[in-house]
All heavy atoms as atom14 arrays in JSON, in Angstrom:
{
  "sequence": "DTGHEAPAVIERGAEFVLDGYDSMRRLLALTGLDLIDTGMSYYVRA",
  "atom14_mask": [
    [1, 1, 1, 1, 1, 1, 1, 1, 0, 0, 0, 0, 0, 0],
    [1, 1, 1, 1, 1, 1, 1, 0, 0, 0, 0, 0, 0, 0],
    [1, 1, 1, 1, 0, 0, 0, 0, 0, 0, 0, 0, 0, 0],
    [1, 1, 1, 1, 1, 1, 1, 1, 1, 1, 0, 0, 0, 0],
    [1, 1, 1, 1, 1, 1, 1, 1, 1, 0, 0, 0, 0, 0],
    [1, 1, 1, 1, 1, 0, 0, 0, 0, 0, 0, 0, 0, 0],
    [1, 1, 1, 1, 1, 1, 1, 0, 0, 0, 0, 0, 0, 0],
    [1, 1, 1, 1, 1, 0, 0, 0, 0, 0, 0, 0, 0, 0],
    [1, 1, 1, 1, 1, 1, 1, 0, 0, 0, 0, 0, 0, 0],
    [1, 1, 1, 1, 1, 1, 1, 1, 0, 0, 0, 0, 0, 0],
    [1, 1, 1, 1, 1, 1, 1, 1, 1, 0, 0, 0, 0, 0],
    [1, 1, 1, 1, 1, 1, 1, 1, 1, 1, 1, 0, 0, 0],
    [1, 1, 1, 1, 0, 0, 0, 0, 0, 0, 0, 0, 0, 0],
    [1, 1, 1, 1, 1, 0, 0, 0, 0, 0, 0, 0, 0, 0],
    [1, 1, 1, 1, 1, 1, 1, 1, 1, 0, 0, 0, 0, 0],
    [1, 1, 1, 1, 1, 1, 1, 1, 1, 1, 1, 0, 0, 0],
    [1, 1, 1, 1, 1, 1, 1, 0, 0, 0, 0, 0, 0, 0],
    [1, 1, 1, 1, 1, 1, 1, 1, 0, 0, 0, 0, 0, 0],
    [1, 1, 1, 1, 1, 1, 1, 1, 0, 0, 0, 0, 0, 0],
    [1, 1, 1, 1, 0, 0, 0, 0, 0, 0, 0, 0, 0, 0],
    [1, 1, 1, 1, 1, 1, 1, 1, 1, 1, 1, 1, 0, 0],
    [1, 1, 1, 1, 1, 1, 1, 1, 0, 0, 0, 0, 0, 0],
    [1, 1, 1, 1, 1, 1, 0, 0, 0, 0, 0, 0, 0, 0],
    [1, 1, 1, 1, 1, 1, 1, 1, 0, 0, 0, 0, 0, 0],
    [1, 1, 1, 1, 1, 1, 1, 1, 1, 1, 1, 0, 0, 0],
    [1, 1, 1, 1, 1, 1, 1, 1, 1, 1, 1, 0, 0, 0],
    [1, 1, 1, 1, 1, 1, 1, 1, 0, 0, 0, 0, 0, 0],
    [1, 1, 1, 1, 1, 1, 1, 1, 0, 0, 0, 0, 0, 0],
    [1, 1, 1, 1, 1, 0, 0, 0, 0, 0, 0, 0, 0, 0],
    [1, 1, 1, 1, 1, 1, 1, 1, 0, 0, 0, 0, 0, 0],
    [1, 1, 1, 1, 1, 1, 1, 0, 0, 0, 0, 0, 0, 0],
    [1, 1, 1, 1, 0, 0, 0, 0, 0, 0, 0, 0, 0, 0],
    [1, 1, 1, 1, 1, 1, 1, 1, 0, 0, 0, 0, 0, 0],
    [1, 1, 1, 1, 1, 1, 1, 1, 0, 0, 0, 0, 0, 0],
    [1, 1, 1, 1, 1, 1, 1, 1, 0, 0, 0, 0, 0, 0],
    [1, 1, 1, 1, 1, 1, 1, 1, 0, 0, 0, 0, 0, 0],
    [1, 1, 1, 1, 1, 1, 1, 1, 0, 0, 0, 0, 0, 0],
    [1, 1, 1, 1, 1, 1, 1, 0, 0, 0, 0, 0, 0, 0],
    [1, 1, 1, 1, 0, 0, 0, 0, 0, 0, 0, 0, 0, 0],
    [1, 1, 1, 1, 1, 1, 1, 1, 0, 0, 0, 0, 0, 0],
    [1, 1, 1, 1, 1, 1, 0, 0, 0, 0, 0, 0, 0, 0],
    [1, 1, 1, 1, 1, 1, 1, 1, 1, 1, 1, 1, 0, 0],
    [1, 1, 1, 1, 1, 1, 1, 1, 1, 1, 1, 1, 0, 0],
    [1, 1, 1, 1, 1, 1, 1, 0, 0, 0, 0, 0, 0, 0],
    [1, 1, 1, 1, 1, 1, 1, 1, 1, 1, 1, 0, 0, 0],
    [1, 1, 1, 1, 1, 0, 0, 0, 0, 0, 0, 0, 0, 0]
  ],
  "atom14_positions": [
    [[-3.31, 9.6, -20.9], [-4.32, 8.57, -21.13], [-3.62, 7.23, -21.33], [-2.82, 7.07, -22.25], [-5.16, 8.93, -22.35], [-6.23, 7.89, -22.65], [-6.5, 7.04, -21.77], [-6.79, 7.92, -23.77], [0.0, 0.0, 0.0], [0.0, 0.0, 0.0], [0.0, 0.0, 0.0], [0.0, 0.0, 0.0], [0.0, 0.0, 0.0], [0.0, 0.0, 0.0]],
    [[-3.91, 6.28, -20.46], [-3.29, 4.96, -20.57], [-4.23, 3.91, -21.15], [-3.85, 2.74, -21.28], [-2.83, 4.48, -19.18], [-3.97, 4.38, -18.32], [-1.82, 5.45, -18.59], [0.0, 0.0, 0.0], [0.0, 0.0, 0.0], [0.0, 0.0, 0.0], [0.0, 0.0, 0.0], [0.0, 0.0, 0.0], [0.0, 0.0, 0.0], [0.0, 0.0, 0.0]],
    [[-5.47, 4.34, -21.48], [-6.43, 3.38, -22.0], [-7.19, 2.65, -20.91], [-8.07, 1.84, -21.21], [0.0, 0.0, 0.0], [0.0, 0.0, 0.0], [0.0, 0.0, 0.0], [0.0, 0.0, 0.0], [0.0, 0.0, 0.0], [0.0, 0.0, 0.0], [0.0, 0.0, 0.0], [0.0, 0.0, 0.0], [0.0, 0.0, 0.0], [0.0, 0.0, 0.0]],
    [[-6.87, 2.94, -19.66], [-7.57, 2.33, -18.54], [-8.68, 3.26, -18.06], [-8.86, 4.36, -18.59], [-6.59, 2.01, -17.41], [-5.59, 0.96, -17.78], [-5.68, -0.35, -17.35], [-4.47, 1.02, -18.56], [-4.67, -1.04, -17.84], [-3.91, -0.23, -18.57], [0.0, 0.0, 0.0], [0.0, 0.0, 0.0], [0.0, 0.0, 0.0], [0.0, 0.0, 0.0]],
    [[-9.39, 2.83, -17.06], [-10.55, 3.58, -16.6], [-10.18, 5.0, -16.16], [-10.89, 5.96, -16.46], [-11.22, 2.84, -15.43], [-12.44, 3.54, -14.87], [-13.09, 2.77, -13.74], [-12.66, 1.62, -13.49], [-14.02, 3.31, -13.12], [0.0, 0.0, 0.0], [0.0, 0.0, 0.0], [0.0, 0.0, 0.0], [0.0, 0.0, 0.0], [0.0, 0.0, 0.0]],
    [[-9.08, 5.13, -15.48], [-8.64, 6.45, -15.01], [-7.3, 6.79, -15.65], [-6.44, 5.93, -15.83], [-8.52, 6.45, -13.49], [0.0, 0.0, 0.0], [0.0, 0.0, 0.0], [0.0, 0.0, 0.0], [0.0, 0.0, 0.0], [0.0, 0.0, 0.0], [0.0, 0.0, 0.0], [0.0, 0.0, 0.0], [0.0, 0.0, 0.0], [0.0, 0.0, 0.0]],
    [[-7.09, 8.07, -16.01], [-5.79, 8.47, -16.54], [-4.73, 8.4, -15.45], [-5.04, 8.3, -14.26], [-6.03, 9.91, -17.0], [-7.16, 10.38, -16.15], [-8.03, 9.19, -15.92], [0.0, 0.0, 0.0], [0.0, 0.0, 0.0], [0.0, 0.0, 0.0], [0.0, 0.0, 0.0], [0.0, 0.0, 0.0], [0.0, 0.0, 0.0], [0.0, 0.0, 0.0]],
    [[-3.47, 8.46, -15.86], [-2.35, 8.41, -14.91], [-1.66, 9.76, -14.86], [-1.57, 10.47, -15.87], [-1.36, 7.32, -15.32], [0.0, 0.0, 0.0], [0.0, 0.0, 0.0], [0.0, 0.0, 0.0], [0.0, 0.0, 0.0], [0.0, 0.0, 0.0], [0.0, 0.0, 0.0], [0.0, 0.0, 0.0], [0.0, 0.0, 0.0], [0.0, 0.0, 0.0]],
    [[-1.17, 10.11, -13.69], [-0.38, 11.33, -13.52], [1.09, 10.94, -13.47], [1.5, 10.15, -12.62], [-0.78, 12.09, -12.24], [0.12, 13.31, -12.05], [-2.24, 12.5, -12.3], [0.0, 0.0, 0.0], [0.0, 0.0, 0.0], [0.0, 0.0, 0.0], [0.0, 0.0, 0.0], [0.0, 0.0, 0.0], [0.0, 0.0, 0.0], [0.0, 0.0, 0.0]],
    [[1.87, 11.47, -14.39], [3.3, 11.19, -14.43], [4.07, 12.45, -14.01], [3.57, 13.56, -14.13], [3.77, 10.73, -15.82], [3.51, 11.83, -16.87], [3.08, 9.43, -16.21], [4.09, 11.51, -18.25], [0.0, 0.0, 0.0], [0.0, 0.0, 0.0], [0.0, 0.0, 0.0], [0.0, 0.0, 0.0], [0.0, 0.0, 0.0], [0.0, 0.0, 0.0]],
    [[5.28, 12.23, -13.53], [6.16, 13.34, -13.15], [7.28, 13.43, -14.18], [8.17, 12.6, -14.22], [6.74, 13.12, -11.75], [5.73, 12.92, -10.65], [4.9, 14.16, -10.35], [5.22, 15.24, -10.88], [3.92, 14.03, -9.6], [0.0, 0.0, 0.0], [0.0, 0.0, 0.0], [0.0, 0.0, 0.0], [0.0, 0.0, 0.0], [0.0, 0.0, 0.0]],
    [[7.22, 14.47, -15.0], [8.25, 14.64, -16.02], [9.5, 15.29, -15.45], [10.54, 15.34, -16.1], [7.68, 15.46, -17.18], [6.46, 14.82, -17.81], [6.02, 15.5, -19.07], [6.99, 15.34, -20.15], [6.76, 15.67, -21.42], [5.57, 16.18, -21.76], [7.68, 15.51, -22.33], [0.0, 0.0, 0.0], [0.0, 0.0, 0.0], [0.0, 0.0, 0.0]],
    [[9.38, 15.77, -14.22], [10.53, 16.36, -13.54], [10.67, 15.78, -12.16], [10.68, 14.56, -11.97], [0.0, 0.0, 0.0], [0.0, 0.0, 0.0], [0.0, 0.0, 0.0], [0.0, 0.0, 0.0], [0.0, 0.0, 0.0], [0.0, 0.0, 0.0], [0.0, 0.0, 0.0], [0.0, 0.0, 0.0], [0.0, 0.0, 0.0], [0.0, 0.0, 0.0]],
    [[10.76, 16.66, -11.16], [10.99, 16.24, -9.78], [9.92, 15.29, -9.3], [8.74, 15.52, -9.5], [11.05, 17.47, -8.88], [0.0, 0.0, 0.0], [0.0, 0.0, 0.0], [0.0, 0.0, 0.0], [0.0, 0.0, 0.0], [0.0, 0.0, 0.0], [0.0, 0.0, 0.0], [0.0, 0.0, 0.0], [0.0, 0.0, 0.0], [0.0, 0.0, 0.0]],
    [[10.33, 14.21, -8.62], [9.37, 13.17, -8.28], [9.29, 12.81, -6.81], [8.26, 12.98, -6.17], [9.66, 11.89, -9.08], [8.67, 10.79, -8.85], [8.27, 10.05, -10.11], [8.73, 10.45, -11.18], [7.5, 9.1, -10.01], [0.0, 0.0, 0.0], [0.0, 0.0, 0.0], [0.0, 0.0, 0.0], [0.0, 0.0, 0.0], [0.0, 0.0, 0.0]],
    [[10.36, 12.3, -6.22], [10.26, 11.69, -4.91], [10.41, 12.69, -3.77], [11.29, 13.53, -3.76], [11.31, 10.59, -4.76], [11.1, 9.44, -5.7], [11.91, 9.29, -6.81], [10.06, 8.55, -5.5], [11.71, 8.23, -7.69], [9.85, 7.5, -6.37], [10.67, 7.34, -7.47], [0.0, 0.0, 0.0], [0.0, 0.0, 0.0], [0.0, 0.0, 0.0]],
    [[9.53, 12.55, -2.8], [9.59, 13.32, -1.56], [10.08, 12.35, -0.48], [9.39, 11.39, -0.14], [8.22, 13.91, -1.19], [8.31, 14.69, 0.12], [7.72, 14.81, -2.32], [0.0, 0.0, 0.0], [0.0, 0.0, 0.0], [0.0, 0.0, 0.0], [0.0, 0.0, 0.0], [0.0, 0.0, 0.0], [0.0, 0.0, 0.0], [0.0, 0.0, 0.0]],
    [[11.26, 12.62, 0.05], [11.92, 11.67, 0.95], [12.0, 12.24, 2.36], [11.6, 13.37, 2.63], [13.32, 11.36, 0.41], [13.36, 10.85, -1.04], [14.8, 10.78, -1.53], [12.68, 9.5, -1.18], [0.0, 0.0, 0.0], [0.0, 0.0, 0.0], [0.0, 0.0, 0.0], [0.0, 0.0, 0.0], [0.0, 0.0, 0.0], [0.0, 0.0, 0.0]],
    [[12.55, 11.45, 3.26], [12.75, 11.91, 4.63], [13.68, 13.13, 4.62], [14.64, 13.19, 3.84], [13.37, 10.8, 5.48], [12.38, 9.69, 5.82], [11.18, 9.9, 5.56], [12.81, 8.65, 6.32], [0.0, 0.0, 0.0], [0.0, 0.0, 0.0], [0.0, 0.0, 0.0], [0.0, 0.0, 0.0], [0.0, 0.0, 0.0], [0.0, 0.0, 0.0]],
    [[13.41, 14.09, 5.5], [14.22, 15.3, 5.57], [13.68, 16.46, 4.77], [14.23, 17.56, 4.84], [0.0, 0.0, 0.0], [0.0, 0.0, 0.0], [0.0, 0.0, 0.0], [0.0, 0.0, 0.0], [0.0, 0.0, 0.0], [0.0, 0.0, 0.0], [0.0, 0.0, 0.0], [0.0, 0.0, 0.0], [0.0, 0.0, 0.0], [0.0, 0.0, 0.0]],
    [[12.58, 16.26, 4.05], [11.99, 17.34, 3.26], [11.07, 18.17, 4.16], [9.87, 18.31, 3.92], [11.2, 16.77, 2.09], [12.03, 16.33, 0.9], [13.22, 15.64, 1.06], [11.59, 16.6, -0.39], [13.96, 15.23, -0.03], [12.33, 16.19, -1.5], [13.52, 15.51, -1.3], [14.25, 15.1, -2.39], [0.0, 0.0, 0.0], [0.0, 0.0, 0.0]],
    [[11.63, 18.76, 5.19], [10.82, 19.46, 6.19], [10.22, 20.75, 5.65], [9.07, 21.07, 5.94], [11.67, 19.75, 7.43], [12.21, 18.48, 8.08], [11.53, 17.44, 7.98], [13.31, 18.53, 8.65], [0.0, 0.0, 0.0], [0.0, 0.0, 0.0], [0.0, 0.0, 0.0], [0.0, 0.0, 0.0], [0.0, 0.0, 0.0], [0.0, 0.0, 0.0]],
    [[11.0, 21.51, 4.9], [10.48, 22.77, 4.35], [9.37, 22.5, 3.34], [8.37, 23.22, 3.3], [11.61, 23.56, 3.69], [12.62, 23.88, 4.62], [0.0, 0.0, 0.0], [0.0, 0.0, 0.0], [0.0, 0.0, 0.0], [0.0, 0.0, 0.0], [0.0, 0.0, 0.0], [0.0, 0.0, 0.0], [0.0, 0.0, 0.0], [0.0, 0.0, 0.0]],
    [[9.53, 21.48, 2.54], [8.5, 21.14, 1.56], [7.22, 20.69, 2.27], [6.11, 21.08, 1.87], [8.99, 20.06, 0.62], [8.01, 19.73, -0.5], [8.7, 18.59, -1.72], [7.31, 18.45, -2.85], [0.0, 0.0, 0.0], [0.0, 0.0, 0.0], [0.0, 0.0, 0.0], [0.0, 0.0, 0.0], [0.0, 0.0, 0.0], [0.0, 0.0, 0.0]],
    [[7.37, 19.91, 3.31], [6.19, 19.46, 4.04], [5.46, 20.65, 4.68], [4.24, 20.64, 4.77], [6.59, 18.44, 5.11], [7.01, 17.09, 4.53], [7.56, 16.18, 5.62], [8.06, 14.93, 5.07], [7.33, 13.82, 4.91], [6.06, 13.83, 5.28], [7.85, 12.73, 4.39], [0.0, 0.0, 0.0], [0.0, 0.0, 0.0], [0.0, 0.0, 0.0]],
    [[6.2, 21.64, 5.12], [5.56, 22.82, 5.69], [4.74, 23.56, 4.63], [3.62, 24.0, 4.9], [6.63, 23.74, 6.28], [6.07, 25.04, 6.83], [7.11, 25.81, 7.62], [8.46, 25.68, 7.11], [8.92, 26.33, 6.03], [8.11, 27.13, 5.36], [10.17, 26.17, 5.65], [0.0, 0.0, 0.0], [0.0, 0.0, 0.0], [0.0, 0.0, 0.0]],
    [[5.26, 23.66, 3.41], [4.51, 24.31, 2.34], [3.31, 23.46, 1.91], [2.26, 24.01, 1.55], [5.42, 24.58, 1.14], [6.48, 25.66, 1.34], [7.28, 25.85, 0.06], [5.87, 26.97, 1.8], [0.0, 0.0, 0.0], [0.0, 0.0, 0.0], [0.0, 0.0, 0.0], [0.0, 0.0, 0.0], [0.0, 0.0, 0.0], [0.0, 0.0, 0.0]],
    [[3.46, 22.16, 1.97], [2.32, 21.29, 1.66], [1.21, 21.49, 2.68], [0.02, 21.55, 2.33], [2.76, 19.83, 1.63], [3.65, 19.42, 0.45], [4.21, 18.01, 0.67], [2.88, 19.48, -0.87], [0.0, 0.0, 0.0], [0.0, 0.0, 0.0], [0.0, 0.0, 0.0], [0.0, 0.0, 0.0], [0.0, 0.0, 0.0], [0.0, 0.0, 0.0]],
    [[1.58, 21.62, 3.94], [0.57, 21.87, 4.98], [-0.08, 23.24, 4.79], [-1.29, 23.39, 4.96], [1.22, 21.78, 6.37], [0.0, 0.0, 0.0], [0.0, 0.0, 0.0], [0.0, 0.0, 0.0], [0.0, 0.0, 0.0], [0.0, 0.0, 0.0], [0.0, 0.0, 0.0], [0.0, 0.0, 0.0], [0.0, 0.0, 0.0], [0.0, 0.0, 0.0]],
    [[0.72, 24.21, 4.4], [0.2, 25.56, 4.17], [-0.84, 25.57, 3.06], [-1.84, 26.29, 3.14], [1.36, 26.49, 3.8], [1.0, 27.93, 3.43], [0.51, 28.68, 4.66], [2.21, 28.64, 2.81], [0.0, 0.0, 0.0], [0.0, 0.0, 0.0], [0.0, 0.0, 0.0], [0.0, 0.0, 0.0], [0.0, 0.0, 0.0], [0.0, 0.0, 0.0]],
    [[-0.63, 24.76, 2.04], [-1.53, 24.74, 0.88], [-2.57, 23.62, 0.95], [-3.36, 23.45, 0.01], [-0.71, 24.59, -0.41], [0.16, 23.45, -0.3], [0.13, 25.82, -0.67], [0.0, 0.0, 0.0], [0.0, 0.0, 0.0], [0.0, 0.0, 0.0], [0.0, 0.0, 0.0], [0.0, 0.0, 0.0], [0.0, 0.0, 0.0], [0.0, 0.0, 0.0]],
    [[-2.58, 22.85, 2.04], [-3.59, 21.81, 2.22], [-3.41, 20.6, 1.33], [-4.38, 19.91, 1.01], [0.0, 0.0, 0.0], [0.0, 0.0, 0.0], [0.0, 0.0, 0.0], [0.0, 0.0, 0.0], [0.0, 0.0, 0.0], [0.0, 0.0, 0.0], [0.0, 0.0, 0.0], [0.0, 0.0, 0.0], [0.0, 0.0, 0.0], [0.0, 0.0, 0.0]],
    [[-2.18, 20.3, 0.94], [-1.9, 19.17, 0.07], [-1.37, 17.98, 0.87], [-0.73, 18.16, 1.9], [-0.9, 19.56, -1.02], [-1.36, 20.66, -1.98], [-0.23, 21.06, -2.92], [-2.59, 20.2, -2.77], [0.0, 0.0, 0.0], [0.0, 0.0, 0.0], [0.0, 0.0, 0.0], [0.0, 0.0, 0.0], [0.0, 0.0, 0.0], [0.0, 0.0, 0.0]],
    [[-1.62, 16.78, 0.36], [-1.22, 15.55, 1.04], [-0.17, 14.79, 0.23], [-0.1, 14.9, -1.0], [-2.42, 14.64, 1.26], [-3.48, 15.27, 2.17], [-3.09, 15.88, 3.17], [-4.67, 15.14, 1.85], [0.0, 0.0, 0.0], [0.0, 0.0, 0.0], [0.0, 0.0, 0.0], [0.0, 0.0, 0.0], [0.0, 0.0, 0.0], [0.0, 0.0, 0.0]],
    [[0.6, 14.0, 0.95], [1.54, 13.08, 0.31], [0.95, 11.69, 0.27], [0.18, 11.3, 1.15], [2.86, 13.05, 1.09], [3.72, 14.31, 1.06], [4.91, 14.15, 1.99], [4.19, 14.61, -0.36], [0.0, 0.0, 0.0], [0.0, 0.0, 0.0], [0.0, 0.0, 0.0], [0.0, 0.0, 0.0], [0.0, 0.0, 0.0], [0.0, 0.0, 0.0]],
    [[1.33, 10.93, -0.75], [0.95, 9.53, -0.84], [2.21, 8.67, -0.89], [3.26, 9.12, -1.35], [0.08, 9.24, -2.09], [0.84, 9.6, -3.37], [-1.25, 9.97, -2.0], [0.16, 9.13, -4.64], [0.0, 0.0, 0.0], [0.0, 0.0, 0.0], [0.0, 0.0, 0.0], [0.0, 0.0, 0.0], [0.0, 0.0, 0.0], [0.0, 0.0, 0.0]],
    [[2.1, 7.47, -0.4], [3.22, 6.53, -0.46], [3.19, 5.85, -1.82], [2.14, 5.41, -2.29], [3.1, 5.49, 0.65], [4.39, 4.73, 0.88], [5.08, 4.41, -0.11], [4.71, 4.44, 2.04], [0.0, 0.0, 0.0], [0.0, 0.0, 0.0], [0.0, 0.0, 0.0], [0.0, 0.0, 0.0], [0.0, 0.0, 0.0], [0.0, 0.0, 0.0]],
    [[4.35, 5.75, -2.46], [4.42, 5.14, -3.79], [4.4, 3.62, -3.74], [4.29, 2.97, -4.78], [5.69, 5.59, -4.52], [6.84, 5.19, -3.77], [5.69, 7.11, -4.7], [0.0, 0.0, 0.0], [0.0, 0.0, 0.0], [0.0, 0.0, 0.0], [0.0, 0.0, 0.0], [0.0, 0.0, 0.0], [0.0, 0.0, 0.0], [0.0, 0.0, 0.0]],
    [[4.53, 3.04, -2.54], [4.51, 1.58, -2.43], [5.81, 0.92, -2.82], [5.93, -0.31, -2.78], [0.0, 0.0, 0.0], [0.0, 0.0, 0.0], [0.0, 0.0, 0.0], [0.0, 0.0, 0.0], [0.0, 0.0, 0.0], [0.0, 0.0, 0.0], [0.0, 0.0, 0.0], [0.0, 0.0, 0.0], [0.0, 0.0, 0.0], [0.0, 0.0, 0.0]],
    [[6.81, 1.72, -3.22], [8.15, 1.2, -3.52], [9.15, 2.13, -2.85], [8.79, 3.19, -2.35], [8.4, 1.14, -5.04], [7.97, 2.38, -5.82], [9.05, 3.83, -5.7], [10.51, 3.24, -6.53], [0.0, 0.0, 0.0], [0.0, 0.0, 0.0], [0.0, 0.0, 0.0], [0.0, 0.0, 0.0], [0.0, 0.0, 0.0], [0.0, 0.0, 0.0]],
    [[10.39, 1.71, -2.78], [11.39, 2.54, -2.15], [12.41, 2.98, -3.18], [13.0, 2.15, -3.89], [12.1, 1.78, -1.02], [13.1, 2.6, -0.44], [0.0, 0.0, 0.0], [0.0, 0.0, 0.0], [0.0, 0.0, 0.0], [0.0, 0.0, 0.0], [0.0, 0.0, 0.0], [0.0, 0.0, 0.0], [0.0, 0.0, 0.0], [0.0, 0.0, 0.0]],
    [[12.62, 4.28, -3.23], [13.63, 4.84, -4.12], [15.01, 4.2, -3.89], [15.8, 4.04, -4.81], [13.71, 6.36, -3.86], [14.96, 6.99, -4.4], [15.0, 7.45, -5.71], [16.11, 7.08, -3.63], [16.16, 8.0, -6.22], [17.27, 7.62, -4.13], [17.29, 8.08, -5.43], [18.43, 8.61, -5.94], [0.0, 0.0, 0.0], [0.0, 0.0, 0.0]],
    [[15.29, 3.81, -2.66], [16.62, 3.37, -2.28], [16.94, 1.94, -2.7], [18.11, 1.54, -2.73], [16.78, 3.5, -0.77], [16.52, 4.88, -0.25], [15.29, 5.21, 0.3], [17.5, 5.86, -0.33], [15.05, 6.49, 0.77], [17.27, 7.14, 0.15], [16.03, 7.45, 0.69], [15.78, 8.72, 1.15], [0.0, 0.0, 0.0], [0.0, 0.0, 0.0]],
    [[15.94, 1.13, -2.96], [16.16, -0.29, -3.22], [15.84, -0.62, -4.67], [14.69, -0.53, -5.1], [15.29, -1.17, -2.28], [15.53, -2.64, -2.56], [15.57, -0.83, -0.83], [0.0, 0.0, 0.0], [0.0, 0.0, 0.0], [0.0, 0.0, 0.0], [0.0, 0.0, 0.0], [0.0, 0.0, 0.0], [0.0, 0.0, 0.0], [0.0, 0.0, 0.0]],
    [[16.87, -1.01, -5.41], [16.7, -1.34, -6.83], [17.46, -2.62, -7.15], [18.65, -2.73, -6.85], [17.24, -0.22, -7.73], [16.74, 1.16, -7.37], [17.52, 2.23, -8.12], [17.3, 3.54, -7.51], [17.95, 4.64, -7.87], [18.88, 4.58, -8.81], [17.68, 5.78, -7.27], [0.0, 0.0, 0.0], [0.0, 0.0, 0.0], [0.0, 0.0, 0.0]],
    [[16.77, -3.54, -7.76], [17.45, -4.74, -8.22], [18.28, -4.39, -9.46], [18.04, -3.38, -10.13], [16.43, -5.81, -8.56], [0.0, 0.0, 0.0], [0.0, 0.0, 0.0], [0.0, 0.0, 0.0], [0.0, 0.0, 0.0], [0.0, 0.0, 0.0], [0.0, 0.0, 0.0], [0.0, 0.0, 0.0], [0.0, 0.0, 0.0], [0.0, 0.0, 0.0]]
  ]
}
């Protein structure tokens, strides 16, 4: 609960799904789950 209209989902463990995650994508398709873009890039940090 963040106090905003909708609660937030946090990842306390594994987080980023990157290029090359072919086996994971296959299991996501098997279970009917979708990926979302985080709008930032794991690779670029100031």
